[in-house]
Amino acid sequence: MNYLKLLENLETDLDLSNSNFETVKFFRKNIASVWLWYIVLISHYKKTKITTEIILSKIQKEHASRVTIFKIINYACKKKFFFKEKDKNDKRKIIISPTKKTIEEFEKWSLFFSRDFNLFQ
């Protein structure tokens, strides 16, 4: 593996992504936000519903408390990066899903990793 190329690409990604993609910048603030972003996007692409309780069970407690995770979710909803809705079958459950903007920016951002990212030579 070309480790120097990997580090250069990661450096470029950090520089460009944070200025070009509002949602990517938001979710890469800290490890808890990154985990939350990944979990919600994975759920989206698997076409499954994800509730706040499932999210809480997937994020290790040393990364963030329940309160912190709820704060991140609420702030992401306020910024219109996530939607929050009550489950139709169980009104106690809250379903979290990414907005169109979050999905579009993630997909554009991920293109960086497919172009000229051949690190195994």
C-alpha atoms as a PDB file:
ATOM      1  CA  MET A   1       0.000   0.000   0.000  1.00  0.00           C
ATOM      2  CA  ASN A   2       1.190   3.499  -0.757  1.00  0.00           C
ATOM      3  CA  TYR A   3       0.820   5.098   2.697  1.00  0.00           C
ATOM      4  CA  LEU A   4       2.067   8.487   1.579  1.00  0.00           C
ATOM      5  CA  LYS A   5      -0.588   8.606  -1.165  1.00  0.00           C
ATOM      6  CA  LEU A   6      -3.229   7.592   1.379  1.00  0.00           C
ATOM      7  CA  LEU A   7      -2.190  10.376   3.766  1.00  0.00           C
ATOM      8  CA  GLU A   8      -2.072  12.942   0.957  1.00  0.00           C
ATOM      9  CA  ASN A   9      -5.548  11.943  -0.197  1.00  0.00           C
ATOM     10  CA  LEU A  10      -6.907  12.100   3.344  1.00  0.00           C
ATOM     11  CA  GLU A  11      -5.348  15.531   3.800  1.00  0.00           C
ATOM     12  CA  THR A  12      -6.928  16.730   0.546  1.00  0.00           C
ATOM     13  CA  ASP A  13     -10.243  15.259   1.600  1.00  0.00           C
ATOM     14  CA  LEU A  14     -10.191  17.061   4.947  1.00  0.00           C
ATOM     15  CA  ASP A  15      -9.308  20.331   3.276  1.00  0.00           C
ATOM     16  CA  LEU A  16     -11.826  20.171   0.433  1.00  0.00           C
ATOM     17  CA  SER A  17     -14.716  18.351   2.089  1.00  0.00           C
ATOM     18  CA  ASN A  18     -15.020  20.704   5.012  1.00  0.00           C
ATOM     19  CA  SER A  19     -15.273  23.696   2.711  1.00  0.00           C
ATOM     20  CA  ASN A  20     -17.451  22.089   0.012  1.00  0.00           C
ATOM     21  CA  PHE A  21     -19.923  19.944   1.954  1.00  0.00           C
ATOM     22  CA  GLU A  22     -21.819  21.447   4.878  1.00  0.00           C
ATOM     23  CA  THR A  23     -23.202  18.113   6.066  1.00  0.00           C
ATOM     24  CA  VAL A  24     -19.852  16.320   5.857  1.00  0.00           C
ATOM     25  CA  LYS A  25     -18.242  19.099   7.895  1.00  0.00           C
ATOM     26  CA  PHE A  26     -21.048  18.952  10.465  1.00  0.00           C
ATOM     27  CA  PHE A  27     -20.862  15.208  11.013  1.00  0.00           C
ATOM     28  CA  ARG A  28     -17.067  15.029  11.117  1.00  0.00           C
ATOM     29  CA  LYS A  29     -16.803  17.341  14.153  1.00  0.00           C
ATOM     30  CA  ASN A  30     -16.253  14.493  16.588  1.00  0.00           C
ATOM     31  CA  ILE A  31     -16.328  10.708  16.770  1.00  0.00           C
ATOM     32  CA  ALA A  32     -19.904  10.571  18.089  1.00  0.00           C
ATOM     33  CA  SER A  33     -21.170  12.632  15.147  1.00  0.00           C
ATOM     34  CA  VAL A  34     -19.249  10.460  12.693  1.00  0.00           C
ATOM     35  CA  TRP A  35     -20.721   7.287  14.179  1.00  0.00           C
ATOM     36  CA  LEU A  36     -24.215   8.787  14.075  1.00  0.00           C
ATOM     37  CA  TRP A  37     -23.760   9.839  10.434  1.00  0.00           C
ATOM     38  CA  TYR A  38     -22.530   6.376   9.414  1.00  0.00           C
ATOM     39  CA  ILE A  39     -25.299   4.550  11.278  1.00  0.00           C
ATOM     40  CA  VAL A  40     -28.078   6.678   9.757  1.00  0.00           C
ATOM     41  CA  LEU A  41     -26.627   6.483   6.242  1.00  0.00           C
ATOM     42  CA  ILE A  42     -26.096   2.713   6.463  1.00  0.00           C
ATOM     43  CA  SER A  43     -29.721   2.359   7.507  1.00  0.00           C
ATOM     44  CA  HIS A  44     -30.777   4.532   4.559  1.00  0.00           C
ATOM     45  CA  TYR A  45     -28.852   2.460   2.011  1.00  0.00           C
ATOM     46  CA  LYS A  46     -30.066  -0.820   3.539  1.00  0.00           C
ATOM     47  CA  LYS A  47     -33.594   0.622   3.307  1.00  0.00           C
ATOM     48  CA  THR A  48     -34.267  -0.088   6.968  1.00  0.00           C
ATOM     49  CA  LYS A  49     -35.698   2.159   9.637  1.00  0.00           C
ATOM     50  CA  ILE A  50     -33.420   3.173  12.483  1.00  0.00           C
ATOM     51  CA  THR A  51     -34.699   4.398  15.812  1.00  0.00           C
ATOM     52  CA  THR A  52     -32.948   6.519  18.387  1.00  0.00           C
ATOM     53  CA  GLU A  53     -32.701   3.503  20.704  1.00  0.00           C
ATOM     54  CA  ILE A  54     -30.941   1.420  18.052  1.00  0.00           C
ATOM     55  CA  ILE A  55     -28.579   4.320  17.358  1.00  0.00           C
ATOM     56  CA  LEU A  56     -27.825   4.624  21.062  1.00  0.00           C
ATOM     57  CA  SER A  57     -27.053   0.910  21.270  1.00  0.00           C
ATOM     58  CA  LYS A  58     -24.588   1.145  18.363  1.00  0.00           C
ATOM     59  CA  ILE A  59     -22.542   4.104  19.629  1.00  0.00           C
ATOM     60  CA  GLN A  60     -20.156   3.095  22.373  1.00  0.00           C
ATOM     61  CA  LYS A  61     -20.674   4.892  25.650  1.00  0.00           C
ATOM     62  CA  GLU A  62     -17.072   6.103  25.774  1.00  0.00           C
ATOM     63  CA  HIS A  63     -17.730   8.099  22.584  1.00  0.00           C
ATOM     64  CA  ALA A  64     -20.819   9.921  23.812  1.00  0.00           C
ATOM     65  CA  SER A  65     -23.561   9.894  26.403  1.00  0.00           C
ATOM     66  CA  ARG A  66     -27.241   9.507  25.552  1.00  0.00           C
ATOM     67  CA  VAL A  67     -27.700  13.222  26.151  1.00  0.00           C
ATOM     68  CA  THR A  68     -24.889  14.109  23.742  1.00  0.00           C
ATOM     69  CA  ILE A  69     -26.253  11.828  21.025  1.00  0.00           C
ATOM     70  CA  PHE A  70     -29.721  13.339  21.397  1.00  0.00           C
ATOM     71  CA  LYS A  71     -28.200  16.831  21.198  1.00  0.00           C
ATOM     72  CA  ILE A  72     -26.410  15.939  17.962  1.00  0.00           C
ATOM     73  CA  ILE A  73     -29.597  14.418  16.500  1.00  0.00           C
ATOM     74  CA  ASN A  74     -31.672  17.446  17.475  1.00  0.00           C
ATOM     75  CA  TYR A  75     -29.115  19.884  16.079  1.00  0.00           C
ATOM     76  CA  ALA A  76     -28.866  17.849  12.843  1.00  0.00           C
ATOM     77  CA  CYS A  77     -32.667  18.008  12.564  1.00  0.00           C
ATOM     78  CA  LYS A  78     -32.656  21.749  13.234  1.00  0.00           C
ATOM     79  CA  LYS A  79     -30.086  22.221  10.438  1.00  0.00           C
ATOM     80  CA  LYS A  80     -32.246  19.974   8.202  1.00  0.00           C
ATOM     81  CA  PHE A  81     -29.603  17.238   7.861  1.00  0.00           C
ATOM     82  CA  PHE A  82     -31.834  14.584   9.488  1.00  0.00           C
ATOM     83  CA  PHE A  83     -35.570  13.985   9.764  1.00  0.00           C
ATOM     84  CA  LYS A  84     -37.146  12.788  12.971  1.00  0.00           C
ATOM     85  CA  GLU A  85     -40.537  11.080  12.943  1.00  0.00           C
ATOM     86  CA  LYS A  86     -42.596   8.889  15.251  1.00  0.00           C
ATOM     87  CA  ASP A  87     -42.966   5.250  14.289  1.00  0.00           C
ATOM     88  CA  LYS A  88     -46.492   4.626  13.012  1.00  0.00           C
ATOM     89  CA  ASN A  89     -46.764   1.307  14.880  1.00  0.00           C
ATOM     90  CA  ASP A  90     -45.170   2.378  18.151  1.00  0.00           C
ATOM     91  CA  LYS A  91     -45.478   6.078  18.949  1.00  0.00           C
ATOM     92  CA  ARG A  92     -42.751   5.775  21.619  1.00  0.00           C
ATOM     93  CA  LYS A  93     -40.105   5.081  18.954  1.00  0.00           C
ATOM     94  CA  ILE A  94     -38.455   7.890  17.017  1.00  0.00           C
ATOM     95  CA  ILE A  95     -37.163   7.106  13.522  1.00  0.00           C
ATOM     96  CA  ILE A  96     -34.153   9.043  12.235  1.00  0.00           C
ATOM     97  CA  SER A  97     -33.433   9.402   8.536  1.00  0.00           C
ATOM     98  CA  PRO A  98     -31.111  11.548   6.432  1.00  0.00           C
ATOM     99  CA  THR A  99     -32.466  14.437   4.399  1.00  0.00           C
ATOM    100  CA  LYS A 100     -31.994  14.712   0.658  1.00  0.00           C
ATOM    101  CA  LYS A 101     -29.167  17.210   1.211  1.00  0.00           C
ATOM    102  CA  THR A 102     -27.296  14.817   3.517  1.00  0.00           C
ATOM    103  CA  ILE A 103     -27.620  11.980   1.010  1.00  0.00           C
ATOM    104  CA  GLU A 104     -26.602  14.117  -1.968  1.00  0.00           C
ATOM    105  CA  GLU A 105     -23.573  15.574  -0.209  1.00  0.00           C
ATOM    106  CA  PHE A 106     -22.483  12.163   1.042  1.00  0.00           C
ATOM    107  CA  GLU A 107     -22.705  10.740  -2.469  1.00  0.00           C
ATOM    108  CA  LYS A 108     -20.760  13.659  -3.987  1.00  0.00           C
ATOM    109  CA  TRP A 109     -18.158  13.480  -1.213  1.00  0.00           C
ATOM    110  CA  SER A 110     -17.739   9.730  -1.675  1.00  0.00           C
ATOM    111  CA  LEU A 111     -16.815  10.231  -5.344  1.00  0.00           C
ATOM    112  CA  PHE A 112     -13.477  11.574  -4.146  1.00  0.00           C
ATOM    113  CA  PHE A 113     -12.581   8.110  -2.876  1.00  0.00           C
ATOM    114  CA  SER A 114     -13.395   6.389  -6.153  1.00  0.00           C
ATOM    115  CA  ARG A 115     -11.318   8.673  -8.381  1.00  0.00           C
ATOM    116  CA  ASP A 116      -7.579   8.289  -8.460  1.00  0.00           C
ATOM    117  CA  PHE A 117      -7.537   6.531  -5.136  1.00  0.00           C
ATOM    118  CA  ASN A 118      -5.562   3.507  -6.199  1.00  0.00           C
ATOM    119  CA  LEU A 119      -3.430   2.958  -3.103  1.00  0.00           C
ATOM    120  CA  PHE A 120      -2.529  -0.634  -3.680  1.00  0.00           C
ATOM    121  CA  GLN A 121       0.143  -0.062  -6.308  1.00  0.00           C
END
